[in-house]
C-alpha atoms as a PDB file:
ATOM      1  CA  ILE A   1      49.147  66.485  11.039  1.00  0.00           C
ATOM      2  CA  MET A   2      46.174  66.521  13.413  1.00  0.00           C
ATOM      3  CA  LYS A   3      45.312  64.215  16.295  1.00  0.00           C
ATOM      4  CA  LYS A   4      41.626  63.248  16.586  1.00  0.00           C
ATOM      5  CA  TYR A   5      39.697  63.313  19.886  1.00  0.00           C
ATOM      6  CA  ASN A   6      36.066  62.212  20.043  1.00  0.00           C
ATOM      7  CA  PHE A   7      34.003  64.673  22.067  1.00  0.00           C
ATOM      8  CA  ASN A   8      30.371  63.690  21.481  1.00  0.00           C
ATOM      9  CA  LYS A   9      29.109  66.362  23.872  1.00  0.00           C
ATOM     10  CA  LEU A  10      27.746  69.876  24.040  1.00  0.00           C
ATOM     11  CA  ILE A  11      30.138  72.740  24.546  1.00  0.00           C
ATOM     12  CA  ARG A  12      29.443  76.368  25.412  1.00  0.00           C
ATOM     13  CA  SER A  13      28.706  78.737  22.532  1.00  0.00           C
ATOM     14  CA  ASN A  14      31.908  80.823  22.774  1.00  0.00           C
ATOM     15  CA  LEU A  15      34.235  77.835  22.760  1.00  0.00           C
ATOM     16  CA  PRO A  16      34.235  76.998  19.016  1.00  0.00           C
ATOM     17  CA  GLU A  17      35.675  80.414  18.110  1.00  0.00           C
ATOM     18  CA  ARG A  18      38.329  80.202  20.841  1.00  0.00           C
ATOM     19  CA  MET A  19      39.254  76.666  19.808  1.00  0.00           C
ATOM     20  CA  LYS A  20      39.549  77.659  16.126  1.00  0.00           C
ATOM     21  CA  LYS A  21      41.923  80.482  17.095  1.00  0.00           C
ATOM     22  CA  GLU A  22      44.086  77.820  18.758  1.00  0.00           C
ATOM     23  CA  GLY A  23      44.202  75.815  15.517  1.00  0.00           C
ATOM     24  CA  VAL A  24      41.636  73.231  16.579  1.00  0.00           C
ATOM     25  CA  ALA A  25      39.309  71.947  13.842  1.00  0.00           C
ATOM     26  CA  LEU A  26      35.792  71.225  15.098  1.00  0.00           C
ATOM     27  CA  PHE A  27      33.389  68.794  13.467  1.00  0.00           C
ATOM     28  CA  GLY A  28      29.853  68.845  14.773  1.00  0.00           C
ATOM     29  CA  ARG A  29      26.253  69.483  13.863  1.00  0.00           C
ATOM     30  CA  HIS A  30      23.114  71.359  14.842  1.00  0.00           C
ATOM     31  CA  LEU A  31      20.975  69.157  17.087  1.00  0.00           C
ATOM     32  CA  THR A  32      17.223  68.715  16.832  1.00  0.00           C
ATOM     33  CA  ASP A  33      15.245  69.842  19.876  1.00  0.00           C
ATOM     34  CA  GLU A  34      14.901  66.199  20.935  1.00  0.00           C
ATOM     35  CA  GLU A  35      18.643  65.574  20.600  1.00  0.00           C
ATOM     36  CA  PHE A  36      19.397  68.874  22.338  1.00  0.00           C
ATOM     37  CA  ALA A  37      17.170  67.946  25.300  1.00  0.00           C
ATOM     38  CA  LYS A  38      18.923  64.573  25.602  1.00  0.00           C
ATOM     39  CA  GLU A  39      22.392  66.130  25.411  1.00  0.00           C
ATOM     40  CA  LEU A  40      21.484  68.803  27.973  1.00  0.00           C
ATOM     41  CA  LYS A  41      20.472  66.027  30.362  1.00  0.00           C
ATOM     42  CA  ASN A  42      23.804  64.312  29.688  1.00  0.00           C
ATOM     43  CA  LYS A  43      25.569  67.628  30.325  1.00  0.00           C
ATOM     44  CA  LEU A  44      23.681  68.050  33.606  1.00  0.00           C
ATOM     45  CA  VAL A  45      24.959  64.659  34.797  1.00  0.00           C
ATOM     46  CA  GLU A  46      28.496  65.559  33.651  1.00  0.00           C
ATOM     47  CA  GLU A  47      28.437  68.888  35.473  1.00  0.00           C
ATOM     48  CA  ALA A  48      26.922  67.322  38.609  1.00  0.00           C
ATOM     49  CA  GLY A  49      29.861  64.887  38.594  1.00  0.00           C
ATOM     50  CA  GLU A  50      32.226  67.832  38.491  1.00  0.00           C
ATOM     51  CA  VAL A  51      30.433  69.339  41.506  1.00  0.00           C
ATOM     52  CA  GLN A  52      30.976  66.027  43.277  1.00  0.00           C
ATOM     53  CA  ASP A  53      34.712  66.193  42.535  1.00  0.00           C
ATOM     54  CA  THR A  54      35.283  69.721  43.908  1.00  0.00           C
ATOM     55  CA  ASP A  55      37.567  70.274  46.868  1.00  0.00           C
ATOM     56  CA  SER A  56      37.324  74.031  47.376  1.00  0.00           C
ATOM     57  CA  ARG A  57      34.623  76.643  47.791  1.00  0.00           C
ATOM     58  CA  GLU A  58      35.924  78.468  44.690  1.00  0.00           C
ATOM     59  CA  ASP A  59      35.651  75.324  42.546  1.00  0.00           C
ATOM     60  CA  MET A  60      32.206  74.596  44.000  1.00  0.00           C
ATOM     61  CA  ILE A  61      31.002  78.033  42.878  1.00  0.00           C
ATOM     62  CA  LYS A  62      32.350  77.460  39.356  1.00  0.00           C
ATOM     63  CA  GLU A  63      30.829  74.013  39.007  1.00  0.00           C
ATOM     64  CA  LEU A  64      27.461  75.043  40.452  1.00  0.00           C
ATOM     65  CA  ALA A  65      27.440  77.903  37.933  1.00  0.00           C
ATOM     66  CA  ASP A  66      27.870  75.305  35.170  1.00  0.00           C
ATOM     67  CA  VAL A  67      24.990  73.250  36.575  1.00  0.00           C
ATOM     68  CA  MET A  68      22.808  76.358  36.689  1.00  0.00           C
ATOM     69  CA  GLU A  69      23.710  77.193  33.073  1.00  0.00           C
ATOM     70  CA  VAL A  70      22.537  73.745  31.967  1.00  0.00           C
ATOM     71  CA  ILE A  71      19.340  74.150  33.988  1.00  0.00           C
ATOM     72  CA  GLU A  72      18.810  77.535  32.329  1.00  0.00           C
ATOM     73  CA  ALA A  73      19.149  75.946  28.873  1.00  0.00           C
ATOM     74  CA  LEU A  74      16.722  73.150  29.802  1.00  0.00           C
ATOM     75  CA  THR A  75      14.138  75.607  31.108  1.00  0.00           C
ATOM     76  CA  LEU A  76      14.374  77.726  27.956  1.00  0.00           C
ATOM     77  CA  LEU A  77      14.064  74.683  25.702  1.00  0.00           C
ATOM     78  CA  HIS A  78      10.991  73.393  27.529  1.00  0.00           C
ATOM     79  CA  GLY A  79       9.361  76.771  28.203  1.00  0.00           C
ATOM     80  CA  ILE A  80       9.652  76.362  31.968  1.00  0.00           C
ATOM     81  CA  THR A  81       9.884  79.466  34.140  1.00  0.00           C
ATOM     82  CA  LYS A  82      12.046  79.953  37.223  1.00  0.00           C
ATOM     83  CA  GLU A  83       8.819  80.714  39.084  1.00  0.00           C
ATOM     84  CA  GLU A  84       7.431  77.280  38.182  1.00  0.00           C
ATOM     85  CA  ILE A  85      10.587  75.611  39.456  1.00  0.00           C
ATOM     86  CA  GLU A  86      10.620  77.649  42.654  1.00  0.00           C
ATOM     87  CA  LYS A  87       6.939  76.887  43.270  1.00  0.00           C
ATOM     88  CA  GLU A  88       7.647  73.150  42.911  1.00  0.00           C
ATOM     89  CA  ARG A  89      10.769  73.401  45.090  1.00  0.00           C
ATOM     90  CA  LEU A  90       8.792  75.056  47.883  1.00  0.00           C
ATOM     91  CA  LEU A  91       5.978  72.533  47.547  1.00  0.00           C
ATOM     92  CA  LYS A  92       8.448  69.657  47.852  1.00  0.00           C
ATOM     93  CA  CYS A  93      10.068  71.357  50.868  1.00  0.00           C
ATOM     94  CA  ASN A  94       6.675  71.667  52.544  1.00  0.00           C
ATOM     95  CA  ILE A  95       5.746  68.045  51.833  1.00  0.00           C
ATOM     96  CA  ASN A  96       9.098  66.244  52.090  1.00  0.00           C
ATOM     97  CA  GLY A  97      11.295  68.751  53.935  1.00  0.00           C
ATOM     98  CA  ARG A  98      14.850  69.787  53.105  1.00  0.00           C
ATOM     99  CA  PHE A  99      18.123  67.940  52.682  1.00  0.00           C
ATOM    100  CA  LEU A 100      19.872  68.040  56.054  1.00  0.00           C
ATOM    101  CA  ALA A 101      23.032  66.365  57.340  1.00  0.00           C
ATOM    102  CA  ALA A 102      20.934  64.710  60.057  1.00  0.00           C
ATOM    103  CA  ASN A 103      18.928  62.716  57.503  1.00  0.00           C
ATOM    104  CA  PHE A 104      21.433  60.314  55.941  1.00  0.00           C
ATOM    105  CA  VAL A 105      19.972  56.786  55.735  1.00  0.00           C
ATOM    106  CA  ASP A 106      22.314  53.795  55.645  1.00  0.00           C
ATOM    107  CA  TYR A 107      19.558  51.281  54.925  1.00  0.00           C
ATOM    108  CA  ILE A 108      15.867  50.589  55.463  1.00  0.00           C
ATOM    109  CA  GLU A 109      13.874  47.486  56.229  1.00  0.00           C
ATOM    110  CA  VAL A 110      10.445  47.075  54.634  1.00  0.00           C
ATOM    111  CA  PRO A 111       7.794  44.594  55.758  1.00  0.00           C
ATOM    112  CA  VAL A 112       7.355  42.016  52.992  1.00  0.00           C
ATOM    113  CA  SER A 113       3.627  42.767  53.141  1.00  0.00           C
ATOM    114  CA  ASN A 114       4.231  46.387  52.038  1.00  0.00           C
ATOM    115  CA  HIS A 115       3.999  45.702  48.310  1.00  0.00           C
ATOM    116  CA  LYS A 116       3.667  49.399  47.412  1.00  0.00           C
ATOM    117  CA  VAL A 117       7.044  50.378  48.870  1.00  0.00           C
ATOM    118  CA  ILE A 118       8.777  47.226  47.640  1.00  0.00           C
ATOM    119  CA  GLU A 119       7.458  47.769  44.107  1.00  0.00           C
ATOM    120  CA  TYR A 120       8.613  51.407  44.211  1.00  0.00           C
ATOM    121  CA  LEU A 121      12.118  50.416  45.313  1.00  0.00           C
ATOM    122  CA  GLU A 122      12.481  47.490  42.904  1.00  0.00           C
ATOM    123  CA  LYS A 123      11.553  49.686  39.921  1.00  0.00           C
ATOM    124  CA  ARG A 124      14.701  51.682  40.645  1.00  0.00           C
ATOM    125  CA  PRO A 125      17.610  49.222  40.545  1.00  0.00           C
ATOM    126  CA  GLY A 126      20.926  50.889  41.145  1.00  0.00           C
ATOM    127  CA  LEU A 127      19.420  53.637  43.280  1.00  0.00           C
ATOM    128  CA  PHE A 128      18.907  51.449  46.319  1.00  0.00           C
END
């Protein structure tokens, strides 16, 4: 008798063989590139959540490694190089700066006449 658990998520490539050795039956499929891209994005959010839940440096290293593995898969799928990402990262640092502890914003106030900023913020419900 088997107990069924719905996964509906990507797993790492070595896991199916390990799971089978433990008597686990896997039921899945090969994703299209479009489905794979979507599921990698879902995996990135999942792994980022695990980073958020870490309490130790050791766990942080493990979870960041998982995030980087997902990023690696996304870059390969989309033909993006690490150099392209680094170039964009540096550009954003030069334009917008870095993330620093001194720059946490509790709230902002926008003049009602500033339609550009208000439109930007209202297009992103849930973020602000």
